[in-house]
N, C-alpha and C. Protein backbone atom coordinates (compact mmCIF):
# COMPACT_ATOMS: atom_id res chain seq x y z
N MET A 1 77.08 55.35 126.84
CA MET A 1 78.28 55.02 126.37
C MET A 1 78.08 53.33 126.39
N THR A 2 77.53 52.79 127.25
CA THR A 2 77.58 51.68 127.32
C THR A 2 76.11 51.02 126.45
N ASP A 3 75.05 51.95 126.67
CA ASP A 3 73.79 51.72 125.62
C ASP A 3 74.56 51.82 123.96
N LEU A 4 75.24 52.23 123.75
CA LEU A 4 75.96 52.56 122.29
C LEU A 4 76.51 51.05 121.88
N ILE A 5 77.21 50.92 122.73
CA ILE A 5 77.76 49.29 122.51
C ILE A 5 77.01 48.36 122.40
N THR A 6 76.13 48.27 123.44
CA THR A 6 74.92 47.43 123.52
C THR A 6 74.33 47.28 122.16
N GLY A 7 73.64 48.42 121.82
CA GLY A 7 72.86 48.68 120.53
C GLY A 7 73.96 47.96 119.46
N ALA A 8 75.17 48.65 119.11
CA ALA A 8 75.86 47.94 118.29
C ALA A 8 75.87 46.36 118.15
N VAL A 9 76.36 45.84 119.14
CA VAL A 9 76.30 44.64 119.49
C VAL A 9 75.15 43.86 119.07
N ALA A 10 73.87 44.20 119.30
CA ALA A 10 72.89 43.94 119.26
C ALA A 10 72.60 43.95 117.66
N ALA A 11 72.54 45.17 117.05
CA ALA A 11 72.69 45.27 115.42
C ALA A 11 73.39 44.28 114.96
N GLY A 12 74.85 43.98 115.27
CA GLY A 12 75.51 42.95 114.66
C GLY A 12 75.03 41.57 114.65
N ILE A 13 74.49 41.30 115.90
CA ILE A 13 73.90 39.82 116.02
C ILE A 13 72.87 39.56 115.19
N VAL A 14 71.92 40.56 115.36
CA VAL A 14 70.81 40.52 114.32
C VAL A 14 70.92 40.62 112.59
N GLY A 15 71.77 40.94 112.41
CA GLY A 15 72.65 41.07 111.01
C GLY A 15 73.19 39.73 110.69
N ALA A 16 74.00 39.47 111.55
CA ALA A 16 74.54 38.13 111.31
C ALA A 16 73.42 36.85 111.10
N LEU A 17 72.44 36.98 112.37
CA LEU A 17 71.40 36.13 112.19
C LEU A 17 70.40 36.18 111.11
N GLY A 18 70.47 37.13 110.38
CA GLY A 18 69.63 37.34 109.23
C GLY A 18 70.28 36.81 108.12
N ILE A 19 71.51 36.88 107.78
CA ILE A 19 72.21 36.83 106.61
C ILE A 19 72.34 35.06 106.67
N ALA A 20 72.56 34.36 108.28
CA ALA A 20 72.71 33.05 108.21
C ALA A 20 71.33 32.61 107.68
N GLY A 21 70.11 33.00 108.20
CA GLY A 21 68.94 32.51 108.04
C GLY A 21 68.63 32.72 106.52
N ASP A 22 68.93 33.72 105.84
CA ASP A 22 68.84 33.81 104.14
C ASP A 22 69.59 32.56 103.70
N ARG A 23 70.65 32.07 104.26
CA ARG A 23 72.03 31.03 103.38
C ARG A 23 70.84 30.13 103.60
N ALA A 24 70.32 29.92 105.11
CA ALA A 24 70.12 28.38 105.26
C ALA A 24 68.75 28.20 104.49
N ALA A 25 68.02 29.52 104.34
CA ALA A 25 66.68 29.03 103.40
C ALA A 25 67.04 28.92 101.82
N ARG A 26 67.99 29.47 101.33
CA ARG A 26 68.51 29.03 100.02
C ARG A 26 68.90 27.69 99.74
N ARG A 27 69.72 27.15 100.66
CA ARG A 27 70.43 25.82 100.66
C ARG A 27 69.32 25.23 100.98
N ARG A 28 68.28 25.37 101.76
CA ARG A 28 67.12 24.76 101.76
C ARG A 28 66.13 24.32 100.53
N LYS A 29 66.09 25.33 99.92
CA LYS A 29 65.35 25.39 98.44
C LYS A 29 66.11 24.79 97.61
N ARG A 30 67.37 25.17 97.53
CA ARG A 30 68.37 24.30 96.34
C ARG A 30 68.09 22.78 96.96
N ALA A 31 67.93 22.22 97.94
CA ALA A 31 68.32 20.98 98.36
C ALA A 31 66.67 20.16 98.10
N PHE A 32 65.64 21.00 97.95
CA PHE A 32 64.43 20.69 97.51
C PHE A 32 64.14 20.46 96.12
N ARG A 33 64.61 21.67 95.51
CA ARG A 33 64.79 21.42 93.54
C ARG A 33 65.49 20.31 93.34
N ASP A 34 66.58 20.19 94.05
CA ASP A 34 67.58 18.94 93.58
C ASP A 34 66.90 17.49 93.75
N HIS A 35 66.22 17.49 94.87
CA HIS A 35 65.64 16.22 94.97
C HIS A 35 64.45 15.98 94.47
N TYR A 36 63.35 17.02 94.59
CA TYR A 36 61.96 16.77 93.91
C TYR A 36 61.83 17.47 92.53
N GLY A 37 62.95 18.25 92.21
CA GLY A 37 62.44 18.85 90.56
C GLY A 37 61.52 20.14 90.67
N SER A 38 60.39 19.67 91.45
CA SER A 38 59.24 20.80 91.32
C SER A 38 58.17 20.56 92.50
N TYR A 39 57.26 21.09 92.58
CA TYR A 39 56.31 21.05 93.47
C TYR A 39 55.53 19.69 93.10
N GLU A 40 55.45 19.49 91.87
CA GLU A 40 54.53 18.64 91.21
C GLU A 40 55.25 17.21 91.41
N GLY A 41 56.73 17.55 91.54
CA GLY A 41 57.77 16.17 91.82
C GLY A 41 57.63 15.69 93.13
N PHE A 42 57.52 16.98 94.09
CA PHE A 42 57.20 16.64 95.35
C PHE A 42 55.68 15.54 95.51
N ARG A 43 54.62 16.33 95.10
CA ARG A 43 53.31 15.86 95.14
C ARG A 43 53.54 14.19 95.26
N HIS A 44 54.42 14.03 94.04
CA HIS A 44 54.17 12.35 93.29
C HIS A 44 54.83 11.86 94.52
N GLN A 45 55.75 12.03 95.36
CA GLN A 45 56.28 11.28 96.16
C GLN A 45 55.79 10.90 97.44
N VAL A 46 54.59 12.07 97.97
CA VAL A 46 54.37 12.08 99.29
C VAL A 46 52.83 11.05 99.18
N ASP A 47 52.86 10.07 100.32
CA ASP A 47 51.76 9.21 100.26
C ASP A 47 50.64 9.86 100.87
N GLU A 48 49.92 10.09 99.67
CA GLU A 48 48.84 11.01 99.83
C GLU A 48 47.75 10.36 100.83
N ASP A 49 47.49 8.69 100.99
CA ASP A 49 46.65 8.07 101.81
C ASP A 49 46.85 8.05 102.91
N LYS A 50 48.25 8.10 103.44
CA LYS A 50 48.34 8.30 104.74
C LYS A 50 48.36 9.64 105.35
N VAL A 51 48.74 10.75 104.38
CA VAL A 51 48.32 12.29 105.14
C VAL A 51 46.78 12.46 105.34
N ARG A 52 46.03 11.80 104.18
CA ARG A 52 44.76 12.15 104.44
C ARG A 52 44.20 11.50 105.62
N SER A 53 44.70 10.29 105.87
CA SER A 53 44.59 9.53 107.16
C SER A 53 44.74 10.15 108.40
N VAL A 54 45.81 10.88 108.49
CA VAL A 54 46.36 11.87 109.83
C VAL A 54 45.64 13.02 109.41
N ARG A 55 45.26 13.40 108.66
CA ARG A 55 44.52 14.60 108.44
C ARG A 55 42.81 14.70 109.14
N SER A 56 42.28 13.17 108.81
CA SER A 56 41.23 12.99 109.39
C SER A 56 41.26 12.61 110.86
N ALA A 57 42.14 11.90 111.15
CA ALA A 57 42.04 11.50 112.76
C ALA A 57 42.86 12.57 113.90
N ARG A 58 43.43 13.38 113.18
CA ARG A 58 44.32 14.42 113.96
C ARG A 58 44.31 15.86 113.37
N GLY A 59 43.79 16.31 112.49
CA GLY A 59 43.61 17.49 111.96
C GLY A 59 44.64 18.02 110.93
N ASP A 60 44.76 18.92 110.38
CA ASP A 60 45.77 19.63 109.33
C ASP A 60 47.08 19.90 109.85
N VAL A 61 47.11 20.44 110.99
CA VAL A 61 48.45 20.67 111.67
C VAL A 61 49.51 19.17 111.82
N ALA A 62 48.75 18.34 112.37
CA ALA A 62 49.41 16.95 112.48
C ALA A 62 49.73 16.38 110.93
N ALA A 63 48.92 16.47 109.90
CA ALA A 63 49.23 15.99 108.58
C ALA A 63 50.46 16.90 108.02
N VAL A 64 50.68 18.32 108.12
CA VAL A 64 51.72 19.07 107.97
C VAL A 64 52.81 18.41 108.43
N LYS A 65 52.82 17.96 109.63
CA LYS A 65 53.76 17.42 110.59
C LYS A 65 54.48 16.12 109.83
N ALA A 66 53.35 15.50 109.81
CA ALA A 66 53.43 13.90 108.93
C ALA A 66 54.42 14.13 107.86
N VAL A 67 53.56 15.31 106.92
CA VAL A 67 54.61 15.53 105.55
C VAL A 67 56.14 15.79 105.96
N ARG A 68 56.09 16.92 106.91
CA ARG A 68 57.74 17.08 107.05
C ARG A 68 58.42 16.31 107.72
N ASP A 69 57.89 15.22 108.18
CA ASP A 69 58.78 14.15 109.09
C ASP A 69 58.97 12.98 107.85
N ASP A 70 58.25 13.19 106.76
CA ASP A 70 58.52 12.08 105.94
C ASP A 70 59.42 12.66 104.96
N HIS A 71 59.35 14.06 104.43
CA HIS A 71 59.87 14.80 103.78
C HIS A 71 60.59 15.96 104.21
N PRO A 72 61.99 16.07 104.95
CA PRO A 72 62.39 16.71 105.51
C PRO A 72 62.84 17.96 104.91
N LEU A 73 62.75 17.77 103.77
CA LEU A 73 63.47 18.81 102.96
C LEU A 73 62.34 19.91 102.26
N ALA A 74 61.10 19.38 102.51
CA ALA A 74 60.07 20.32 102.25
C ALA A 74 59.68 21.58 103.57
N SER A 75 59.59 22.74 103.22
CA SER A 75 59.61 23.82 103.93
C SER A 75 58.05 23.24 104.85
N LEU A 76 58.14 24.57 105.56
CA LEU A 76 56.36 24.85 106.24
C LEU A 76 55.67 24.89 105.13
N VAL A 77 55.66 26.01 104.56
CA VAL A 77 54.93 26.62 102.98
C VAL A 77 54.74 25.38 102.44
N ILE A 78 55.72 24.72 101.99
CA ILE A 78 55.31 23.85 101.18
C ILE A 78 54.43 22.32 101.59
N ALA A 79 54.69 22.00 102.94
CA ALA A 79 53.80 20.98 103.54
C ALA A 79 52.41 21.51 103.67
N ASN A 80 52.40 22.71 103.92
CA ASN A 80 50.98 23.02 104.24
C ASN A 80 50.32 23.27 103.36
N ARG A 81 50.69 24.03 102.09
CA ARG A 81 50.20 23.89 100.55
C ARG A 81 49.63 22.70 100.19
N TYR A 82 50.44 21.63 100.43
CA TYR A 82 50.21 20.11 100.09
C TYR A 82 48.86 19.54 100.87
N VAL A 83 48.99 20.11 101.98
CA VAL A 83 47.69 19.64 102.84
C VAL A 83 46.62 20.34 102.67
N ARG A 84 46.69 21.66 102.17
CA ARG A 84 45.62 22.28 102.13
C ARG A 84 44.82 21.56 100.67
N GLU A 85 45.71 21.36 99.69
CA GLU A 85 45.10 20.91 98.23
C GLU A 85 44.64 19.84 98.28
N LEU A 86 44.68 18.91 99.42
CA LEU A 86 44.21 17.86 99.49
C LEU A 86 42.69 17.83 99.25
């Protein structure tokens, strides 16, 4: 009986976290679109020289982090894409 209750509670928590995560992702995408308009709009606002400098000195991961630090509305996927396309 206890296992059944524990399982139901765990399933409820996982479901609630999934819904909250989806909502947060949609909000983040909407905020990105509202602020930058598109990926191209985002690219024009990033300091390319700074990102290239960080990338050459400390690597790709640090460059992605630098993009996200300067542009918090950019997702990890967007920041990674930007660094890979440099």
